[in-house]
C-alpha atoms as a PDB file:
ATOM      1  CA  MET A   1      73.368 -22.549-221.690  1.00  0.00           C
ATOM      2  CA  THR A   2      72.250 -24.873-224.487  1.00  0.00           C
ATOM      3  CA  ASP A   3      71.367 -23.477-227.899  1.00  0.00           C
ATOM      4  CA  THR A   4      67.724 -24.441-227.374  1.00  0.00           C
ATOM      5  CA  ILE A   5      67.555 -22.472-224.133  1.00  0.00           C
ATOM      6  CA  ALA A   6      69.385 -19.541-225.745  1.00  0.00           C
ATOM      7  CA  VAL A   7      66.876 -19.440-228.619  1.00  0.00           C
ATOM      8  CA  LEU A   8      63.933 -19.610-226.210  1.00  0.00           C
ATOM      9  CA  PHE A   9      65.556 -16.814-224.196  1.00  0.00           C
ATOM     10  CA  ALA A  10      65.844 -14.672-227.370  1.00  0.00           C
ATOM     11  CA  ASN A  11      62.196 -15.438-228.136  1.00  0.00           C
ATOM     12  CA  GLU A  12      61.198 -14.384-224.614  1.00  0.00           C
ATOM     13  CA  ALA A  13      63.188 -11.140-225.021  1.00  0.00           C
ATOM     14  CA  PHE A  14      61.066 -10.378-228.104  1.00  0.00           C
ATOM     15  CA  TYR A  15      57.800 -10.805-226.187  1.00  0.00           C
ATOM     16  CA  GLN A  16      59.178  -8.894-223.188  1.00  0.00           C
ATOM     17  CA  ALA A  17      60.061  -5.946-225.449  1.00  0.00           C
ATOM     18  CA  PHE A  18      56.520  -6.053-226.839  1.00  0.00           C
ATOM     19  CA  ALA A  19      54.931  -6.252-223.374  1.00  0.00           C
ATOM     20  CA  GLU A  20      56.983  -3.340-222.086  1.00  0.00           C
ATOM     21  CA  ARG A  21      56.488  -1.317-225.289  1.00  0.00           C
ATOM     22  CA  ASP A  22      60.281  -0.951-225.316  1.00  0.00           C
ATOM     23  CA  LEU A  23      61.445   0.028-228.804  1.00  0.00           C
ATOM     24  CA  GLU A  24      65.119  -0.029-227.806  1.00  0.00           C
ATOM     25  CA  ALA A  25      64.800  -3.604-226.513  1.00  0.00           C
ATOM     26  CA  MET A  26      62.855  -4.558-229.653  1.00  0.00           C
ATOM     27  CA  ASP A  27      65.646  -3.098-231.779  1.00  0.00           C
ATOM     28  CA  THR A  28      68.191  -5.216-229.878  1.00  0.00           C
ATOM     29  CA  VAL A  29      66.237  -8.430-230.558  1.00  0.00           C
ATOM     30  CA  TRP A  30      66.387  -8.052-234.359  1.00  0.00           C
ATOM     31  CA  SER A  31      69.377  -8.938-236.553  1.00  0.00           C
ATOM     32  CA  ARG A  32      71.594  -6.214-237.913  1.00  0.00           C
ATOM     33  CA  GLY A  33      73.593  -8.552-240.136  1.00  0.00           C
ATOM     34  CA  GLU A  34      70.848 -10.317-242.092  1.00  0.00           C
ATOM     35  CA  THR A  35      67.834  -9.179-244.091  1.00  0.00           C
ATOM     36  CA  VAL A  36      64.829  -9.280-241.781  1.00  0.00           C
ATOM     37  CA  SER A  37      61.133  -9.660-242.529  1.00  0.00           C
ATOM     38  CA  CYS A  38      57.842  -9.558-240.672  1.00  0.00           C
ATOM     39  CA  VAL A  39      54.193 -10.345-241.341  1.00  0.00           C
ATOM     40  CA  HIS A  40      51.878  -8.796-238.776  1.00  0.00           C
ATOM     41  CA  PRO A  41      48.279 -10.105-238.798  1.00  0.00           C
ATOM     42  CA  GLY A  42      46.359  -8.300-241.526  1.00  0.00           C
ATOM     43  CA  TRP A  43      49.439  -6.466-242.875  1.00  0.00           C
ATOM     44  CA  HIS A  44      51.338  -6.876-246.098  1.00  0.00           C
ATOM     45  CA  PRO A  45      54.742  -8.553-245.719  1.00  0.00           C
ATOM     46  CA  LEU A  46      57.542  -6.227-244.627  1.00  0.00           C
ATOM     47  CA  ALA A  47      61.156  -6.764-245.697  1.00  0.00           C
ATOM     48  CA  GLY A  48      64.243  -4.892-244.598  1.00  0.00           C
ATOM     49  CA  ARG A  49      65.258  -3.636-241.183  1.00  0.00           C
ATOM     50  CA  ASP A  50      63.998  -0.080-241.714  1.00  0.00           C
ATOM     51  CA  ALA A  51      60.483  -1.229-242.649  1.00  0.00           C
ATOM     52  CA  VAL A  52      60.306  -3.817-239.872  1.00  0.00           C
ATOM     53  CA  MET A  53      61.528  -1.433-237.170  1.00  0.00           C
ATOM     54  CA  GLU A  54      59.173   1.304-238.385  1.00  0.00           C
ATOM     55  CA  SER A  55      56.293  -1.180-237.980  1.00  0.00           C
ATOM     56  CA  TRP A  56      57.363  -1.850-234.388  1.00  0.00           C
ATOM     57  CA  ARG A  57      57.686   1.893-233.741  1.00  0.00           C
ATOM     58  CA  THR A  58      54.074   2.278-234.916  1.00  0.00           C
ATOM     59  CA  ILE A  59      52.748  -0.699-232.934  1.00  0.00           C
ATOM     60  CA  LEU A  60      54.621  -0.049-229.689  1.00  0.00           C
ATOM     61  CA  SER A  61      53.654   3.633-229.594  1.00  0.00           C
ATOM     62  CA  ASP A  62      49.950   2.862-230.083  1.00  0.00           C
ATOM     63  CA  PRO A  63      48.131   2.860-226.722  1.00  0.00           C
ATOM     64  CA  ALA A  64      45.534   0.523-228.261  1.00  0.00           C
ATOM     65  CA  ALA A  65      48.146  -2.118-229.180  1.00  0.00           C
ATOM     66  CA  PRO A  66      47.091  -5.453-227.712  1.00  0.00           C
ATOM     67  CA  ASP A  67      48.722  -7.117-224.750  1.00  0.00           C
ATOM     68  CA  ILE A  68      50.297 -10.362-225.917  1.00  0.00           C
ATOM     69  CA  ALA A  69      51.658 -13.275-223.906  1.00  0.00           C
ATOM     70  CA  CYS A  70      53.726 -16.051-225.453  1.00  0.00           C
ATOM     71  CA  ARG A  71      52.559 -19.575-224.650  1.00  0.00           C
ATOM     72  CA  ASN A  72      53.808 -23.064-225.549  1.00  0.00           C
ATOM     73  CA  ALA A  73      57.056 -21.964-227.182  1.00  0.00           C
ATOM     74  CA  SER A  74      59.018 -24.774-228.855  1.00  0.00           C
ATOM     75  CA  ALA A  75      62.425 -24.202-230.438  1.00  0.00           C
ATOM     76  CA  TYR A  76      63.815 -26.099-233.428  1.00  0.00           C
ATOM     77  CA  LEU A  77      67.488 -25.771-234.331  1.00  0.00           C
ATOM     78  CA  LEU A  78      68.997 -26.094-237.804  1.00  0.00           C
ATOM     79  CA  GLY A  79      72.671 -25.307-237.219  1.00  0.00           C
ATOM     80  CA  ASP A  80      73.032 -21.530-236.936  1.00  0.00           C
ATOM     81  CA  VAL A  81      69.339 -21.006-237.760  1.00  0.00           C
ATOM     82  CA  ALA A  82      66.460 -21.730-235.398  1.00  0.00           C
ATOM     83  CA  TYR A  83      62.763 -21.171-235.303  1.00  0.00           C
ATOM     84  CA  VAL A  84      60.225 -21.010-232.527  1.00  0.00           C
ATOM     85  CA  LEU A  85      56.573 -21.963-232.861  1.00  0.00           C
ATOM     86  CA  CYS A  86      54.273 -20.584-230.196  1.00  0.00           C
ATOM     87  CA  HIS A  87      50.831 -19.268-229.384  1.00  0.00           C
ATOM     88  CA  GLU A  88      50.273 -15.608-228.736  1.00  0.00           C
ATOM     89  CA  ALA A  89      47.501 -15.103-226.190  1.00  0.00           C
ATOM     90  CA  LEU A  90      45.474 -11.929-226.637  1.00  0.00           C
ATOM     91  CA  GLU A  91      42.378 -10.800-224.790  1.00  0.00           C
ATOM     92  CA  SER A  92      40.369 -11.547-227.947  1.00  0.00           C
ATOM     93  CA  GLY A  93      41.810 -14.991-228.701  1.00  0.00           C
ATOM     94  CA  PHE A  94      44.974 -16.588-229.976  1.00  0.00           C
ATOM     95  CA  LEU A  95      47.465 -16.157-232.763  1.00  0.00           C
ATOM     96  CA  ILE A  96      50.006 -18.737-233.841  1.00  0.00           C
ATOM     97  CA  ALA A  97      53.471 -17.326-234.431  1.00  0.00           C
ATOM     98  CA  THR A  98      56.663 -18.424-236.122  1.00  0.00           C
ATOM     99  CA  ASN A  99      59.816 -16.590-235.046  1.00  0.00           C
ATOM    100  CA  VAL A 100      63.046 -17.279-236.924  1.00  0.00           C
ATOM    101  CA  PHE A 101      66.481 -16.586-235.425  1.00  0.00           C
ATOM    102  CA  VAL A 102      70.091 -16.724-236.622  1.00  0.00           C
ATOM    103  CA  ARG A 103      73.219 -16.967-234.562  1.00  0.00           C
ATOM    104  CA  GLU A 104      74.892 -13.592-234.977  1.00  0.00           C
ATOM    105  CA  GLY A 105      78.320 -13.354-233.391  1.00  0.00           C
ATOM    106  CA  GLY A 106      77.218 -15.599-230.513  1.00  0.00           C
ATOM    107  CA  PRO A 107      73.719 -14.407-229.553  1.00  0.00           C
ATOM    108  CA  TRP A 108      70.575 -15.426-231.406  1.00  0.00           C
ATOM    109  CA  LYS A 109      68.873 -12.589-233.310  1.00  0.00           C
ATOM    110  CA  MET A 110      65.439 -12.517-234.921  1.00  0.00           C
ATOM    111  CA  VAL A 111      65.242 -12.414-238.714  1.00  0.00           C
ATOM    112  CA  HIS A 112      61.535 -13.141-239.212  1.00  0.00           C
ATOM    113  CA  HIS A 113      58.293 -12.926-237.251  1.00  0.00           C
ATOM    114  CA  GLN A 114      54.920 -13.985-238.570  1.00  0.00           C
ATOM    115  CA  ALA A 115      51.675 -14.298-236.628  1.00  0.00           C
ATOM    116  CA  GLY A 116      48.207 -15.219-237.771  1.00  0.00           C
ATOM    117  CA  MET A 117      44.863 -16.304-236.400  1.00  0.00           C
ATOM    118  CA  GLY A 118      44.728 -19.785-234.990  1.00  0.00           C
ATOM    119  CA  PRO A 119      42.921 -21.976-232.513  1.00  0.00           C
ATOM    120  CA  ALA A 120      43.581 -21.926-228.802  1.00  0.00           C
ATOM    121  CA  PRO A 121      46.203 -24.351-227.531  1.00  0.00           C
ATOM    122  CA  ALA A 122      44.643 -27.793-226.973  1.00  0.00           C
ATOM    123  CA  ALA A 123      44.574 -27.571-223.152  1.00  0.00           C
ATOM    124  CA  GLU A 124      42.980 -24.116-223.186  1.00  0.00           C
ATOM    125  CA  ALA A 125      40.496 -25.059-225.894  1.00  0.00           C
ATOM    126  CA  ALA A 126      39.305 -27.964-223.727  1.00  0.00           C
ATOM    127  CA  GLU A 127      38.822 -25.584-220.786  1.00  0.00           C
ATOM    128  CA  THR A 128      36.662 -23.219-222.851  1.00  0.00           C
ATOM    129  CA  VAL A 129      34.295 -25.753-224.428  1.00  0.00           C
ATOM    130  CA  PRO A 130      30.803 -24.873-223.130  1.00  0.00           C
ATOM    131  CA  GLY A 131      29.095 -27.673-221.248  1.00  0.00           C
ATOM    132  CA  ARG A 132      32.211 -29.814-220.950  1.00  0.00           C
ATOM    133  CA  LEU A 133      32.337 -31.889-217.785  1.00  0.00           C
ATOM    134  CA  GLN A 134      35.689 -32.258-216.049  1.00  0.00           C
END
């Protein structure tokens, strides 16, 4: 497996843990060897594994937490660090996310997640323009 595929696989594991509301899987995705951080939309920045995992405990246990699907993920490698840019599709619109990973004893582990409001991906935006002729 190439590093790019491995990073995209780690990114997918993050979104799968979210979709399944699986705190144990979410815990496995995040680094244990590096300082981690997270910026959820509308939240203050979180730093440190305890704070980040507590945020996921809160989100994943909330029945009103949104369903999120990752779209258009692209991985960029910088040696033993990589980041993924992607769209997060929600029922109410889209977020744009940056997920940062480090190689940790072989597997890629997340060290930072940040998501914020953004436009729909170009192809989907074109499909939703009112009055547009195909």
